[in-house]
């Protein structure tokens, strides 16, 4: 079952047709949220991600990770 996450426009991830054709990006940057997740999956530390992408502050990354964490904390109905 595919899950759809509603991304609030005022949150750490934003989407606009004017930025990367609507690809969800970290707010205040042009860095796709999916790229950050892929880098983490590959073992990049937050420090290394910040070094590679200086526009991503520690706060932006922490806010993004908090959003992802909250989205995973969804109770599934018992089967």
N, C-alpha and C. Protein backbone atom coordinates (compact mmCIF):
# COMPACT_ATOMS: atom_id res chain seq x y z
N UNK A 1 0.84 -1.17 0.00
CA UNK A 1 0.00 0.00 0.00
C UNK A 1 0.89 1.24 0.00
N UNK A 2 0.71 2.11 -0.96
CA UNK A 2 1.49 3.35 -1.06
C UNK A 2 0.89 4.39 -0.14
N UNK A 3 1.75 5.06 0.57
CA UNK A 3 1.32 6.07 1.51
C UNK A 3 1.64 7.45 0.95
N UNK A 4 0.69 8.35 1.05
CA UNK A 4 0.90 9.72 0.58
C UNK A 4 1.09 10.61 1.80
N UNK A 5 2.16 11.39 1.78
CA UNK A 5 2.43 12.31 2.88
C UNK A 5 2.12 13.72 2.41
N UNK A 6 1.27 14.40 3.14
CA UNK A 6 0.95 15.79 2.84
C UNK A 6 2.09 16.65 3.37
N UNK A 7 2.74 17.39 2.51
CA UNK A 7 3.87 18.22 2.91
C UNK A 7 3.38 19.65 3.14
N UNK A 8 3.40 20.10 4.40
CA UNK A 8 2.93 21.46 4.67
C UNK A 8 3.85 22.49 4.01
N UNK A 9 3.25 23.52 3.46
CA UNK A 9 4.01 24.53 2.74
C UNK A 9 4.91 25.32 3.68
N UNK A 10 4.59 25.38 4.96
CA UNK A 10 5.42 26.13 5.91
C UNK A 10 6.42 25.24 6.65
N UNK A 11 6.49 23.96 6.29
CA UNK A 11 7.38 23.03 6.97
C UNK A 11 8.78 23.04 6.39
N UNK A 12 9.60 22.06 6.81
CA UNK A 12 10.99 22.00 6.36
C UNK A 12 11.17 21.53 4.92
N UNK A 13 10.11 21.00 4.32
CA UNK A 13 10.16 20.58 2.92
C UNK A 13 9.08 21.34 2.17
N UNK A 14 9.46 21.93 1.05
CA UNK A 14 8.50 22.70 0.26
C UNK A 14 8.53 22.24 -1.19
N UNK A 15 7.46 22.52 -1.88
CA UNK A 15 7.35 22.18 -3.29
C UNK A 15 6.72 23.35 -4.02
N UNK A 16 7.36 23.78 -5.09
CA UNK A 16 6.85 24.89 -5.88
C UNK A 16 7.17 24.60 -7.34
N UNK A 17 6.22 24.88 -8.25
CA UNK A 17 6.50 24.67 -9.66
C UNK A 17 7.71 25.47 -10.15
N UNK A 18 8.04 26.54 -9.43
CA UNK A 18 9.16 27.40 -9.82
C UNK A 18 10.53 26.86 -9.39
N UNK A 19 10.54 25.85 -8.53
CA UNK A 19 11.80 25.29 -8.03
C UNK A 19 11.88 23.82 -8.43
N UNK A 20 12.80 23.50 -9.31
CA UNK A 20 13.01 22.12 -9.78
C UNK A 20 11.72 21.45 -10.23
N UNK A 21 10.89 22.20 -10.92
CA UNK A 21 9.63 21.69 -11.48
C UNK A 21 8.72 21.05 -10.44
N UNK A 22 8.77 21.57 -9.21
CA UNK A 22 7.88 21.07 -8.17
C UNK A 22 8.45 19.94 -7.33
N UNK A 23 9.68 19.54 -7.59
CA UNK A 23 10.32 18.51 -6.77
C UNK A 23 10.41 19.00 -5.33
N UNK A 24 10.00 18.20 -4.34
CA UNK A 24 10.13 18.63 -2.94
C UNK A 24 11.59 18.89 -2.58
N UNK A 25 11.84 20.07 -2.03
CA UNK A 25 13.20 20.47 -1.65
C UNK A 25 13.22 20.89 -0.19
N UNK A 26 14.43 20.91 0.38
CA UNK A 26 14.59 21.43 1.72
C UNK A 26 14.35 22.94 1.66
N UNK A 27 13.48 23.43 2.54
CA UNK A 27 13.10 24.84 2.52
C UNK A 27 14.33 25.74 2.57
N UNK A 28 14.33 26.75 1.72
CA UNK A 28 15.43 27.70 1.66
C UNK A 28 16.60 27.23 0.81
N UNK A 29 16.38 26.14 0.06
CA UNK A 29 17.45 25.62 -0.80
C UNK A 29 16.83 25.09 -2.09
N UNK A 30 17.67 24.61 -2.96
CA UNK A 30 17.21 23.92 -4.17
C UNK A 30 17.67 22.46 -4.11
N UNK A 31 17.84 21.97 -2.91
CA UNK A 31 18.34 20.61 -2.70
C UNK A 31 17.16 19.68 -2.47
N UNK A 32 16.97 18.70 -3.37
CA UNK A 32 15.84 17.79 -3.23
C UNK A 32 15.89 17.00 -1.92
N UNK A 33 14.74 16.89 -1.28
CA UNK A 33 14.65 16.12 -0.04
C UNK A 33 15.06 14.67 -0.28
N UNK A 34 14.69 14.12 -1.42
CA UNK A 34 15.05 12.73 -1.74
C UNK A 34 16.56 12.55 -1.83
N UNK A 35 17.27 13.57 -2.29
CA UNK A 35 18.73 13.50 -2.37
C UNK A 35 19.34 13.37 -0.98
N UNK A 36 18.84 14.16 -0.04
CA UNK A 36 19.35 14.10 1.33
C UNK A 36 19.13 12.71 1.91
N UNK A 37 17.94 12.16 1.69
CA UNK A 37 17.66 10.81 2.19
C UNK A 37 18.57 9.78 1.53
N UNK A 38 18.81 9.91 0.24
CA UNK A 38 19.68 8.98 -0.47
C UNK A 38 21.11 9.07 0.06
N UNK A 39 21.59 10.26 0.31
CA UNK A 39 22.94 10.42 0.86
C UNK A 39 23.04 9.76 2.23
N UNK A 40 22.01 9.92 3.05
CA UNK A 40 22.01 9.28 4.36
C UNK A 40 21.97 7.77 4.22
N UNK A 41 21.20 7.27 3.27
CA UNK A 41 21.13 5.83 3.04
C UNK A 41 22.50 5.28 2.66
N UNK A 42 23.26 6.09 1.94
CA UNK A 42 24.60 5.67 1.51
C UNK A 42 25.65 5.84 2.60
N UNK A 43 25.23 6.33 3.76
CA UNK A 43 26.15 6.43 4.89
C UNK A 43 26.78 7.79 5.12
N UNK A 44 26.35 8.80 4.36
CA UNK A 44 26.88 10.14 4.58
C UNK A 44 26.45 10.64 5.96
N UNK A 45 27.36 11.24 6.68
CA UNK A 45 27.01 11.86 7.96
C UNK A 45 26.36 13.22 7.69
N UNK A 46 25.65 13.73 8.69
CA UNK A 46 25.06 15.06 8.53
C UNK A 46 26.16 16.10 8.32
N UNK A 47 27.29 15.91 8.98
CA UNK A 47 28.43 16.83 8.80
C UNK A 47 28.89 16.84 7.35
N UNK A 48 29.02 15.66 6.74
CA UNK A 48 29.48 15.58 5.35
C UNK A 48 28.44 16.19 4.40
N UNK A 49 27.17 15.95 4.67
CA UNK A 49 26.11 16.53 3.84
C UNK A 49 26.20 18.06 3.92
N UNK A 50 26.40 18.58 5.13
CA UNK A 50 26.52 20.04 5.28
C UNK A 50 27.76 20.58 4.57
N UNK A 51 28.84 19.81 4.57
CA UNK A 51 30.05 20.23 3.86
C UNK A 51 29.82 20.28 2.36
N UNK A 52 29.14 19.26 1.84
CA UNK A 52 28.86 19.19 0.41
C UNK A 52 27.80 20.21 -0.03
N UNK A 53 26.88 20.52 0.87
CA UNK A 53 25.77 21.43 0.56
C UNK A 53 25.69 22.50 1.66
N UNK A 54 26.54 23.52 1.59
CA UNK A 54 26.61 24.53 2.65
C UNK A 54 25.30 25.29 2.92
N UNK A 55 24.38 25.29 1.96
CA UNK A 55 23.11 25.99 2.20
C UNK A 55 22.21 25.22 3.17
N UNK A 56 22.59 23.99 3.50
CA UNK A 56 21.81 23.21 4.47
C UNK A 56 22.40 23.40 5.86
N UNK A 57 21.72 24.19 6.66
CA UNK A 57 22.18 24.41 8.03
C UNK A 57 21.83 23.20 8.89
N UNK A 58 22.45 23.13 10.04
CA UNK A 58 22.12 22.06 10.99
C UNK A 58 20.64 22.10 11.33
N UNK A 59 20.12 23.28 11.52
CA UNK A 59 18.70 23.41 11.86
C UNK A 59 17.80 22.89 10.73
N UNK A 60 18.11 23.24 9.49
CA UNK A 60 17.30 22.75 8.36
C UNK A 60 17.32 21.23 8.30
N UNK A 61 18.50 20.65 8.49
CA UNK A 61 18.60 19.18 8.45
C UNK A 61 17.85 18.55 9.62
N UNK A 62 17.98 19.12 10.81
CA UNK A 62 17.27 18.58 11.96
C UNK A 62 15.76 18.69 11.80
N UNK A 63 15.29 19.81 11.28
CA UNK A 63 13.85 19.98 11.03
C UNK A 63 13.36 18.96 10.01
N UNK A 64 14.16 18.73 8.97
CA UNK A 64 13.81 17.74 7.95
C UNK A 64 13.74 16.35 8.56
N UNK A 65 14.73 15.99 9.36
CA UNK A 65 14.73 14.66 9.98
C UNK A 65 13.57 14.50 10.95
N UNK A 66 13.20 15.56 11.65
CA UNK A 66 12.05 15.50 12.55
C UNK A 66 10.77 15.24 11.76
N UNK A 67 10.63 15.87 10.60
CA UNK A 67 9.47 15.63 9.74
C UNK A 67 9.42 14.17 9.30
N UNK A 68 10.55 13.63 8.87
CA UNK A 68 10.60 12.24 8.44
C UNK A 68 10.26 11.32 9.60
N UNK A 69 10.81 11.61 10.76
CA UNK A 69 10.55 10.79 11.94
C UNK A 69 9.06 10.80 12.29
N UNK A 70 8.45 11.97 12.27
CA UNK A 70 7.01 12.06 12.57
C UNK A 70 6.18 11.30 11.54
N UNK A 71 6.60 11.35 10.28
CA UNK A 71 5.82 10.68 9.24
C UNK A 71 5.90 9.16 9.37
N UNK A 72 6.96 8.66 10.00
CA UNK A 72 7.11 7.22 10.20
C UNK A 72 6.38 6.74 11.45
N UNK A 73 5.99 7.65 12.31
CA UNK A 73 5.33 7.31 13.56
C UNK A 73 3.82 7.29 13.37
N UNK A 74 3.38 6.49 12.43
CA UNK A 74 1.95 6.35 12.16
C UNK A 74 1.53 4.96 12.60
N UNK A 75 0.54 4.90 13.44
CA UNK A 75 0.06 3.62 13.95
C UNK A 75 -0.70 2.89 12.85
N UNK A 76 -0.31 1.66 12.61
CA UNK A 76 -0.98 0.84 11.61
C UNK A 76 -2.07 0.02 12.30
N UNK A 77 -3.24 -0.13 11.68
CA UNK A 77 -4.30 -0.93 12.30
C UNK A 77 -3.87 -2.39 12.40
N UNK A 78 -4.30 -3.04 13.47
CA UNK A 78 -3.99 -4.46 13.66
C UNK A 78 -4.71 -5.28 12.61
N UNK A 79 -4.04 -6.30 12.13
CA UNK A 79 -4.63 -7.15 11.09
C UNK A 79 -5.21 -8.38 11.72
